[in-house]
C-alpha cells in the first residue's frame, strides 16, 4: 500500500507543479499531463492496472490502464485538486 500512497503523492505533486507553472508560460496552455508508473510492493511493474483520476471539486473522472511497462498517461487535465486511485483485479 505504501507504493500506491507514494505514487499518489508524486502524481499530485507533478500535477500541482504543472498547474503552478502553467500561468507563467507564454503559450497560454490551461491543461496539464499526469504520468506515472504503478509498481507492486516488490517493485515489479503492474501492467493493466486501472488508473482513475477524480476532480474533487467538479466530480469529473478520467481513467486509463497502465501499459506493459506499468506506465500511464492522463492528458488535457485542467488545474485543480484531484484524487488518484490505482486498482488491479
N, C-alpha and C. Protein backbone atom coordinates (compact mmCIF):
# COMPACT_ATOMS: atom_id res chain seq x y z
N UNK A 1 0.81 -1.18 0.00
CA UNK A 1 0.00 0.00 0.00
C UNK A 1 0.86 1.26 0.00
N UNK A 2 2.07 1.19 0.57
CA UNK A 2 2.94 2.37 0.62
C UNK A 2 3.33 2.81 -0.78
N UNK A 3 3.52 1.88 -1.71
CA UNK A 3 3.87 2.24 -3.08
C UNK A 3 2.76 3.06 -3.72
N UNK A 4 1.51 2.65 -3.51
CA UNK A 4 0.39 3.38 -4.10
C UNK A 4 0.29 4.76 -3.46
N UNK A 5 0.49 4.85 -2.14
CA UNK A 5 0.45 6.15 -1.47
C UNK A 5 1.55 7.06 -2.03
N UNK A 6 2.73 6.51 -2.22
CA UNK A 6 3.84 7.29 -2.78
C UNK A 6 3.51 7.73 -4.20
N UNK A 7 2.91 6.84 -4.99
CA UNK A 7 2.51 7.15 -6.34
C UNK A 7 1.50 8.30 -6.35
N UNK A 8 0.55 8.25 -5.44
CA UNK A 8 -0.47 9.30 -5.36
C UNK A 8 0.19 10.63 -5.02
N UNK A 9 1.09 10.64 -4.06
CA UNK A 9 1.76 11.87 -3.66
C UNK A 9 2.61 12.42 -4.80
N UNK A 10 3.39 11.56 -5.46
CA UNK A 10 4.23 12.01 -6.56
C UNK A 10 3.38 12.54 -7.72
N UNK A 11 2.30 11.87 -8.02
CA UNK A 11 1.43 12.31 -9.11
C UNK A 11 0.77 13.64 -8.77
N UNK A 12 0.33 13.78 -7.53
CA UNK A 12 -0.30 15.04 -7.11
C UNK A 12 0.70 16.19 -7.18
N UNK A 13 1.93 15.94 -6.76
CA UNK A 13 2.97 16.98 -6.84
C UNK A 13 3.26 17.36 -8.28
N UNK A 14 3.31 16.38 -9.17
CA UNK A 14 3.55 16.67 -10.59
C UNK A 14 2.44 17.53 -11.16
N UNK A 15 1.20 17.17 -10.85
CA UNK A 15 0.06 17.94 -11.35
C UNK A 15 0.06 19.34 -10.75
N UNK A 16 0.39 19.46 -9.46
CA UNK A 16 0.44 20.77 -8.82
C UNK A 16 1.50 21.65 -9.49
N UNK A 17 2.68 21.08 -9.74
CA UNK A 17 3.74 21.85 -10.38
C UNK A 17 3.33 22.28 -11.78
N UNK A 18 2.69 21.40 -12.51
CA UNK A 18 2.23 21.76 -13.85
C UNK A 18 1.21 22.89 -13.79
N UNK A 19 0.31 22.83 -12.81
CA UNK A 19 -0.70 23.87 -12.66
C UNK A 19 -0.07 25.19 -12.22
N UNK A 20 0.95 25.13 -11.38
CA UNK A 20 1.60 26.34 -10.88
C UNK A 20 2.40 27.03 -11.98
N UNK A 21 3.00 26.26 -12.85
CA UNK A 21 3.83 26.81 -13.92
C UNK A 21 2.98 27.28 -15.10
N UNK A 22 1.84 26.67 -15.31
CA UNK A 22 1.02 26.96 -16.49
C UNK A 22 0.73 28.45 -16.69
N UNK A 23 0.37 29.22 -15.65
CA UNK A 23 0.07 30.63 -15.88
C UNK A 23 1.27 31.45 -16.35
N UNK A 24 2.49 30.99 -16.09
CA UNK A 24 3.68 31.74 -16.48
C UNK A 24 4.14 31.41 -17.89
N UNK A 25 3.61 30.40 -18.51
CA UNK A 25 4.03 30.01 -19.85
C UNK A 25 3.40 30.94 -20.88
N UNK A 26 4.16 31.26 -21.90
CA UNK A 26 3.67 32.18 -22.92
C UNK A 26 2.67 31.53 -23.87
N UNK A 27 2.61 30.22 -23.91
CA UNK A 27 1.70 29.53 -24.83
C UNK A 27 0.26 29.54 -24.34
N UNK A 28 0.03 29.97 -23.11
CA UNK A 28 -1.29 30.06 -22.52
C UNK A 28 -2.05 28.74 -22.54
N UNK A 29 -1.35 27.68 -22.24
CA UNK A 29 -1.97 26.36 -22.16
C UNK A 29 -2.59 26.21 -20.78
N UNK A 30 -3.85 25.85 -20.76
CA UNK A 30 -4.58 25.73 -19.50
C UNK A 30 -4.90 24.27 -19.20
N UNK A 31 -3.91 23.41 -19.38
CA UNK A 31 -4.10 22.00 -19.06
C UNK A 31 -2.74 21.39 -18.74
N UNK A 32 -2.80 20.23 -18.13
CA UNK A 32 -1.57 19.54 -17.78
C UNK A 32 -1.66 18.07 -18.10
N UNK A 33 -0.57 17.38 -17.91
CA UNK A 33 -0.47 15.94 -18.15
C UNK A 33 0.05 15.27 -16.89
N UNK A 34 -0.54 14.15 -16.55
CA UNK A 34 -0.13 13.38 -15.38
C UNK A 34 0.41 12.04 -15.87
N UNK A 35 1.63 11.72 -15.47
CA UNK A 35 2.23 10.44 -15.84
C UNK A 35 2.75 9.75 -14.58
N UNK A 36 2.89 8.45 -14.66
CA UNK A 36 3.41 7.70 -13.52
C UNK A 36 3.64 6.25 -13.88
N UNK A 37 4.15 5.51 -12.93
CA UNK A 37 4.40 4.08 -13.08
C UNK A 37 3.81 3.38 -11.86
N UNK A 38 3.05 2.33 -12.08
CA UNK A 38 2.46 1.56 -10.99
C UNK A 38 3.34 0.34 -10.75
N UNK A 39 3.75 0.17 -9.48
CA UNK A 39 4.54 -0.98 -9.09
C UNK A 39 3.89 -1.68 -7.90
N UNK A 40 4.20 -2.95 -7.75
CA UNK A 40 3.70 -3.69 -6.59
C UNK A 40 4.69 -3.53 -5.44
N UNK A 41 4.38 -4.10 -4.26
CA UNK A 41 5.28 -3.93 -3.11
C UNK A 41 6.70 -4.45 -3.34
N UNK A 42 6.87 -5.40 -4.25
CA UNK A 42 8.20 -5.94 -4.55
C UNK A 42 8.95 -5.08 -5.56
N UNK A 43 8.28 -4.07 -6.13
CA UNK A 43 8.92 -3.19 -7.10
C UNK A 43 8.68 -3.58 -8.55
N UNK A 44 7.93 -4.65 -8.79
CA UNK A 44 7.63 -5.07 -10.16
C UNK A 44 6.53 -4.18 -10.73
N UNK A 45 6.63 -3.87 -12.02
CA UNK A 45 5.61 -3.05 -12.66
C UNK A 45 4.30 -3.82 -12.76
N UNK A 46 3.19 -3.08 -12.82
CA UNK A 46 1.86 -3.69 -12.88
C UNK A 46 1.18 -3.28 -14.18
N UNK A 47 1.29 -4.10 -15.24
CA UNK A 47 0.58 -3.78 -16.48
C UNK A 47 -0.91 -4.06 -16.33
N UNK A 48 -1.73 -3.26 -16.98
CA UNK A 48 -3.17 -3.49 -16.97
C UNK A 48 -3.90 -2.98 -15.74
N UNK A 49 -3.22 -2.23 -14.88
CA UNK A 49 -3.90 -1.64 -13.71
C UNK A 49 -4.78 -0.49 -14.18
N UNK A 50 -5.92 -0.32 -13.55
CA UNK A 50 -6.82 0.77 -13.89
C UNK A 50 -6.47 1.99 -13.03
N UNK A 51 -6.22 3.10 -13.69
CA UNK A 51 -5.91 4.36 -13.03
C UNK A 51 -7.13 5.27 -13.20
N UNK A 52 -7.63 5.80 -12.08
CA UNK A 52 -8.78 6.71 -12.12
C UNK A 52 -8.41 7.99 -11.39
N UNK A 53 -8.55 9.11 -12.08
CA UNK A 53 -8.28 10.42 -11.52
C UNK A 53 -9.60 11.15 -11.40
N UNK A 54 -9.93 11.63 -10.20
CA UNK A 54 -11.21 12.29 -9.95
C UNK A 54 -10.99 13.73 -9.53
N UNK A 55 -11.64 14.66 -10.21
CA UNK A 55 -11.60 16.07 -9.84
C UNK A 55 -12.46 16.23 -8.59
N UNK A 56 -11.85 16.62 -7.48
CA UNK A 56 -12.56 16.69 -6.20
C UNK A 56 -13.64 17.76 -6.18
N UNK A 57 -13.49 18.83 -6.96
CA UNK A 57 -14.46 19.92 -6.94
C UNK A 57 -15.61 19.72 -7.92
N UNK A 58 -15.31 19.15 -9.09
CA UNK A 58 -16.33 19.02 -10.14
C UNK A 58 -16.85 17.60 -10.31
N UNK A 59 -16.14 16.62 -9.76
CA UNK A 59 -16.59 15.24 -9.85
C UNK A 59 -16.27 14.53 -11.15
N UNK A 60 -15.58 15.21 -12.08
CA UNK A 60 -15.20 14.56 -13.33
C UNK A 60 -14.19 13.46 -13.06
N UNK A 61 -14.26 12.39 -13.82
CA UNK A 61 -13.28 11.32 -13.70
C UNK A 61 -12.58 11.08 -15.03
N UNK A 62 -11.33 10.72 -14.95
CA UNK A 62 -10.51 10.37 -16.10
C UNK A 62 -9.90 9.03 -15.80
N UNK A 63 -9.98 8.09 -16.74
CA UNK A 63 -9.46 6.75 -16.49
C UNK A 63 -8.56 6.29 -17.63
N UNK A 64 -7.63 5.43 -17.27
CA UNK A 64 -6.76 4.80 -18.25
C UNK A 64 -6.24 3.50 -17.65
N UNK A 65 -5.56 2.71 -18.45
CA UNK A 65 -4.92 1.48 -17.98
C UNK A 65 -3.42 1.62 -18.18
N UNK A 66 -2.66 0.98 -17.30
CA UNK A 66 -1.21 1.01 -17.44
C UNK A 66 -0.78 0.15 -18.63
N UNK A 67 0.33 0.57 -19.24
CA UNK A 67 0.91 -0.17 -20.36
C UNK A 67 1.70 -1.37 -19.83
N UNK A 68 2.35 -2.08 -20.73
CA UNK A 68 3.13 -3.27 -20.35
C UNK A 68 4.27 -2.92 -19.39
N UNK A 69 4.76 -1.68 -19.45
CA UNK A 69 5.85 -1.27 -18.57
C UNK A 69 5.35 -0.59 -17.29
N UNK A 70 4.02 -0.67 -17.04
CA UNK A 70 3.44 -0.10 -15.84
C UNK A 70 3.15 1.39 -15.91
N UNK A 71 3.49 2.03 -17.02
CA UNK A 71 3.31 3.47 -17.16
C UNK A 71 1.89 3.83 -17.58
N UNK A 72 1.47 5.02 -17.15
CA UNK A 72 0.18 5.57 -17.58
C UNK A 72 0.35 7.05 -17.86
N UNK A 73 -0.56 7.58 -18.68
CA UNK A 73 -0.58 9.00 -19.03
C UNK A 73 -2.03 9.46 -19.06
N UNK A 74 -2.29 10.58 -18.38
CA UNK A 74 -3.59 11.25 -18.46
C UNK A 74 -3.31 12.65 -18.96
N UNK A 75 -3.92 13.03 -20.09
CA UNK A 75 -3.63 14.31 -20.74
C UNK A 75 -4.81 15.28 -20.66
N UNK A 76 -4.50 16.53 -20.96
CA UNK A 76 -5.50 17.60 -21.05
C UNK A 76 -6.29 17.76 -19.75
N UNK A 77 -5.57 17.81 -18.64
CA UNK A 77 -6.20 17.97 -17.33
C UNK A 77 -6.18 19.44 -16.92
N UNK A 78 -7.33 19.93 -16.52
CA UNK A 78 -7.41 21.31 -16.02
C UNK A 78 -6.79 21.38 -14.64
N UNK A 79 -6.21 22.52 -14.27
CA UNK A 79 -5.69 22.66 -12.91
C UNK A 79 -6.79 22.43 -11.88
N UNK A 80 -6.47 21.80 -10.79
CA UNK A 80 -7.45 21.54 -9.75
C UNK A 80 -6.94 20.55 -8.73
N UNK A 81 -7.81 20.17 -7.81
CA UNK A 81 -7.49 19.17 -6.79
C UNK A 81 -8.05 17.83 -7.24
N UNK A 82 -7.19 16.83 -7.27
CA UNK A 82 -7.57 15.52 -7.78
C UNK A 82 -7.26 14.43 -6.76
N UNK A 83 -7.99 13.33 -6.88
CA UNK A 83 -7.71 12.11 -6.14
C UNK A 83 -7.35 11.04 -7.17
N UNK A 84 -6.26 10.33 -6.93
CA UNK A 84 -5.80 9.30 -7.86
C UNK A 84 -5.97 7.94 -7.21
N UNK A 85 -6.59 7.01 -7.93
CA UNK A 85 -6.77 5.64 -7.45
C UNK A 85 -6.16 4.69 -8.48
N UNK A 86 -5.50 3.65 -7.97
CA UNK A 86 -4.97 2.60 -8.82
C UNK A 86 -5.55 1.28 -8.34
N UNK A 87 -6.05 0.48 -9.27
CA UNK A 87 -6.66 -0.81 -8.91
C UNK A 87 -6.23 -1.87 -9.93
N UNK A 88 -6.10 -3.08 -9.44
CA UNK A 88 -5.77 -4.21 -10.33
C UNK A 88 -6.58 -5.40 -9.87
N UNK A 89 -7.23 -6.03 -10.83
CA UNK A 89 -8.00 -7.24 -10.47
C UNK A 89 -7.76 -8.34 -11.47
